[in-house]
Amino acid sequence: MRKSFVSLAALALLAVSHAQDRSKFGNFDAITAARLRAHLEFVASDLLEGRDTPSRGQDVAALYVATQLKLWGVK
């Protein structure tokens, strides 16, 4: 439960930072509850094996978040 909360909080922070500067990072209206839920469901899924440290699941989660940030224009 705690890991899901941390994941949700991280995704919420990403969304807020993405939304704060439309001209730099894109369309604020593109952030929806459904999209945030989809990100959370992936990061919290059993496929990531609980994201223990160190683990393959943690590496996949980190790569996923980094990829999303790159897609949003974060360097």
N, C-alpha and C. Protein backbone atom coordinates (compact mmCIF):
# COMPACT_ATOMS: atom_id res chain seq x y z
N MET A 1 0.82 -1.19 0.00
CA MET A 1 0.00 0.00 0.00
C MET A 1 0.87 1.26 0.00
N ARG A 2 1.92 1.25 0.83
CA ARG A 2 2.80 2.41 0.91
C ARG A 2 3.48 2.67 -0.43
N LYS A 3 3.92 1.60 -1.11
CA LYS A 3 4.59 1.76 -2.39
C LYS A 3 3.64 2.35 -3.42
N SER A 4 2.37 1.95 -3.39
CA SER A 4 1.39 2.51 -4.32
C SER A 4 1.19 3.99 -4.05
N PHE A 5 1.14 4.37 -2.76
CA PHE A 5 0.98 5.78 -2.42
C PHE A 5 2.18 6.59 -2.91
N VAL A 6 3.37 6.07 -2.71
CA VAL A 6 4.57 6.77 -3.16
C VAL A 6 4.55 6.92 -4.68
N SER A 7 4.15 5.87 -5.37
CA SER A 7 4.06 5.94 -6.83
C SER A 7 3.03 6.97 -7.27
N LEU A 8 1.89 6.97 -6.61
CA LEU A 8 0.84 7.94 -6.94
C LEU A 8 1.33 9.36 -6.68
N ALA A 9 2.00 9.57 -5.56
CA ALA A 9 2.53 10.89 -5.23
C ALA A 9 3.55 11.35 -6.27
N ALA A 10 4.42 10.45 -6.69
CA ALA A 10 5.43 10.79 -7.69
C ALA A 10 4.78 11.17 -9.01
N LEU A 11 3.78 10.41 -9.43
CA LEU A 11 3.09 10.72 -10.67
C LEU A 11 2.32 12.03 -10.57
N ALA A 12 1.73 12.30 -9.42
CA ALA A 12 1.03 13.57 -9.22
C ALA A 12 2.00 14.74 -9.32
N LEU A 13 3.18 14.59 -8.72
CA LEU A 13 4.18 15.65 -8.82
C LEU A 13 4.64 15.85 -10.25
N LEU A 14 4.80 14.77 -10.99
CA LEU A 14 5.17 14.88 -12.39
C LEU A 14 4.09 15.63 -13.17
N ALA A 15 2.84 15.31 -12.88
CA ALA A 15 1.74 15.97 -13.58
C ALA A 15 1.69 17.45 -13.26
N VAL A 16 1.89 17.79 -12.00
CA VAL A 16 1.86 19.20 -11.60
C VAL A 16 3.01 19.95 -12.25
N SER A 17 4.19 19.38 -12.23
CA SER A 17 5.33 20.06 -12.84
C SER A 17 5.14 20.18 -14.34
N HIS A 18 4.51 19.19 -14.94
CA HIS A 18 4.22 19.22 -16.37
C HIS A 18 3.21 20.32 -16.68
N ALA A 19 2.25 20.51 -15.80
CA ALA A 19 1.17 21.44 -16.05
C ALA A 19 1.56 22.89 -15.78
N GLN A 20 2.58 23.14 -14.99
CA GLN A 20 2.90 24.49 -14.58
C GLN A 20 3.38 25.37 -15.72
N ASP A 21 3.99 24.82 -16.72
CA ASP A 21 4.53 25.63 -17.80
C ASP A 21 4.10 25.05 -19.14
N ARG A 22 2.94 25.46 -19.58
CA ARG A 22 2.38 24.94 -20.84
C ARG A 22 3.29 25.18 -22.03
N SER A 23 3.89 26.35 -22.09
CA SER A 23 4.70 26.67 -23.25
C SER A 23 5.93 25.79 -23.34
N LYS A 24 6.43 25.33 -22.21
CA LYS A 24 7.64 24.53 -22.22
C LYS A 24 7.35 23.04 -22.35
N PHE A 25 6.31 22.57 -21.69
CA PHE A 25 6.08 21.14 -21.62
C PHE A 25 4.84 20.64 -22.36
N GLY A 26 4.08 21.50 -23.00
CA GLY A 26 2.96 21.01 -23.79
C GLY A 26 1.61 21.40 -23.24
N ASN A 27 0.64 20.57 -23.52
CA ASN A 27 -0.76 20.88 -23.31
C ASN A 27 -1.25 20.45 -21.93
N PHE A 28 -1.62 21.42 -21.11
CA PHE A 28 -2.15 21.15 -19.77
C PHE A 28 -3.40 20.29 -19.84
N ASP A 29 -4.23 20.52 -20.83
CA ASP A 29 -5.49 19.78 -20.95
C ASP A 29 -5.29 18.30 -21.24
N ALA A 30 -4.08 17.93 -21.63
CA ALA A 30 -3.80 16.52 -21.91
C ALA A 30 -3.67 15.70 -20.64
N ILE A 31 -3.55 16.35 -19.49
CA ILE A 31 -3.45 15.64 -18.22
C ILE A 31 -4.86 15.35 -17.73
N THR A 32 -5.19 14.08 -17.68
CA THR A 32 -6.52 13.67 -17.24
C THR A 32 -6.39 12.62 -16.15
N ALA A 33 -7.47 12.43 -15.44
CA ALA A 33 -7.49 11.40 -14.40
C ALA A 33 -7.22 10.04 -15.01
N ALA A 34 -7.77 9.80 -16.18
CA ALA A 34 -7.58 8.49 -16.84
C ALA A 34 -6.11 8.25 -17.19
N ARG A 35 -5.44 9.28 -17.68
CA ARG A 35 -4.01 9.13 -18.02
C ARG A 35 -3.17 8.93 -16.77
N LEU A 36 -3.44 9.69 -15.72
CA LEU A 36 -2.70 9.50 -14.48
C LEU A 36 -2.93 8.11 -13.92
N ARG A 37 -4.17 7.64 -14.00
CA ARG A 37 -4.49 6.30 -13.52
C ARG A 37 -3.73 5.24 -14.33
N ALA A 38 -3.65 5.43 -15.63
CA ALA A 38 -2.93 4.48 -16.48
C ALA A 38 -1.45 4.41 -16.09
N HIS A 39 -0.83 5.57 -15.84
CA HIS A 39 0.57 5.58 -15.41
C HIS A 39 0.72 4.85 -14.07
N LEU A 40 -0.17 5.16 -13.13
CA LEU A 40 -0.11 4.54 -11.81
C LEU A 40 -0.31 3.04 -11.89
N GLU A 41 -1.27 2.61 -12.70
CA GLU A 41 -1.53 1.17 -12.82
C GLU A 41 -0.31 0.43 -13.35
N PHE A 42 0.41 1.05 -14.27
CA PHE A 42 1.61 0.38 -14.77
C PHE A 42 2.69 0.31 -13.70
N VAL A 43 2.97 1.45 -13.06
CA VAL A 43 4.05 1.49 -12.07
C VAL A 43 3.73 0.60 -10.87
N ALA A 44 2.45 0.47 -10.53
CA ALA A 44 2.06 -0.33 -9.37
C ALA A 44 1.73 -1.78 -9.74
N SER A 45 1.85 -2.14 -11.00
CA SER A 45 1.44 -3.48 -11.43
C SER A 45 2.37 -4.58 -10.89
N ASP A 46 1.84 -5.77 -10.83
CA ASP A 46 2.62 -6.93 -10.39
C ASP A 46 3.77 -7.23 -11.35
N LEU A 47 3.68 -6.76 -12.58
CA LEU A 47 4.75 -6.97 -13.55
C LEU A 47 6.08 -6.37 -13.08
N LEU A 48 6.00 -5.34 -12.23
CA LEU A 48 7.22 -4.70 -11.73
C LEU A 48 7.71 -5.33 -10.44
N GLU A 49 7.10 -6.41 -10.03
CA GLU A 49 7.60 -7.28 -8.97
C GLU A 49 7.85 -6.55 -7.64
N GLY A 50 7.05 -5.55 -7.32
CA GLY A 50 7.18 -4.87 -6.05
C GLY A 50 8.27 -3.81 -5.99
N ARG A 51 9.08 -3.70 -7.00
CA ARG A 51 10.13 -2.68 -7.09
C ARG A 51 11.07 -2.68 -5.89
N ASP A 52 11.44 -3.86 -5.40
CA ASP A 52 12.43 -3.93 -4.32
C ASP A 52 13.75 -3.34 -4.78
N THR A 53 14.62 -3.02 -3.82
CA THR A 53 15.92 -2.44 -4.14
C THR A 53 17.01 -3.46 -3.89
N PRO A 54 17.86 -3.76 -4.80
CA PRO A 54 17.75 -3.52 -6.23
C PRO A 54 16.87 -4.60 -6.87
N SER A 55 16.26 -4.28 -7.97
CA SER A 55 15.46 -5.28 -8.68
C SER A 55 15.24 -4.86 -10.12
N ARG A 56 14.87 -5.82 -10.91
CA ARG A 56 14.54 -5.56 -12.31
C ARG A 56 13.31 -4.67 -12.39
N GLY A 57 12.33 -4.90 -11.50
CA GLY A 57 11.11 -4.08 -11.48
C GLY A 57 11.40 -2.62 -11.20
N GLN A 58 12.32 -2.36 -10.30
CA GLN A 58 12.70 -0.98 -9.99
C GLN A 58 13.36 -0.34 -11.21
N ASP A 59 14.20 -1.09 -11.90
CA ASP A 59 14.85 -0.56 -13.10
C ASP A 59 13.83 -0.23 -14.18
N VAL A 60 12.83 -1.09 -14.34
CA VAL A 60 11.78 -0.85 -15.34
C VAL A 60 10.96 0.39 -14.96
N ALA A 61 10.61 0.52 -13.69
CA ALA A 61 9.84 1.68 -13.24
C ALA A 61 10.63 2.97 -13.48
N ALA A 62 11.92 2.96 -13.17
CA ALA A 62 12.76 4.15 -13.38
C ALA A 62 12.85 4.50 -14.86
N LEU A 63 13.01 3.51 -15.69
CA LEU A 63 13.07 3.73 -17.14
C LEU A 63 11.74 4.29 -17.65
N TYR A 64 10.63 3.77 -17.13
CA TYR A 64 9.31 4.25 -17.54
C TYR A 64 9.14 5.72 -17.18
N VAL A 65 9.46 6.09 -15.95
CA VAL A 65 9.31 7.49 -15.53
C VAL A 65 10.24 8.39 -16.35
N ALA A 66 11.47 7.96 -16.57
CA ALA A 66 12.42 8.75 -17.36
C ALA A 66 11.92 8.93 -18.79
N THR A 67 11.36 7.89 -19.36
CA THR A 67 10.84 7.96 -20.73
C THR A 67 9.67 8.93 -20.80
N GLN A 68 8.77 8.87 -19.83
CA GLN A 68 7.63 9.80 -19.81
C GLN A 68 8.12 11.24 -19.71
N LEU A 69 9.10 11.50 -18.87
CA LEU A 69 9.64 12.85 -18.73
C LEU A 69 10.25 13.33 -20.04
N LYS A 70 10.98 12.44 -20.73
CA LYS A 70 11.55 12.81 -22.03
C LYS A 70 10.46 13.14 -23.03
N LEU A 71 9.39 12.37 -23.04
CA LEU A 71 8.27 12.63 -23.96
C LEU A 71 7.63 13.98 -23.68
N TRP A 72 7.66 14.41 -22.41
CA TRP A 72 7.09 15.70 -22.02
C TRP A 72 8.07 16.85 -22.25
N GLY A 73 9.28 16.53 -22.68
CA GLY A 73 10.25 17.58 -22.99
C GLY A 73 11.21 17.93 -21.88
N VAL A 74 11.21 17.17 -20.79
CA VAL A 74 12.13 17.43 -19.70
C VAL A 74 13.51 16.91 -20.08
N LYS A 75 14.54 17.70 -19.82
CA LYS A 75 15.91 17.29 -20.16
C LYS A 75 16.63 16.84 -18.93
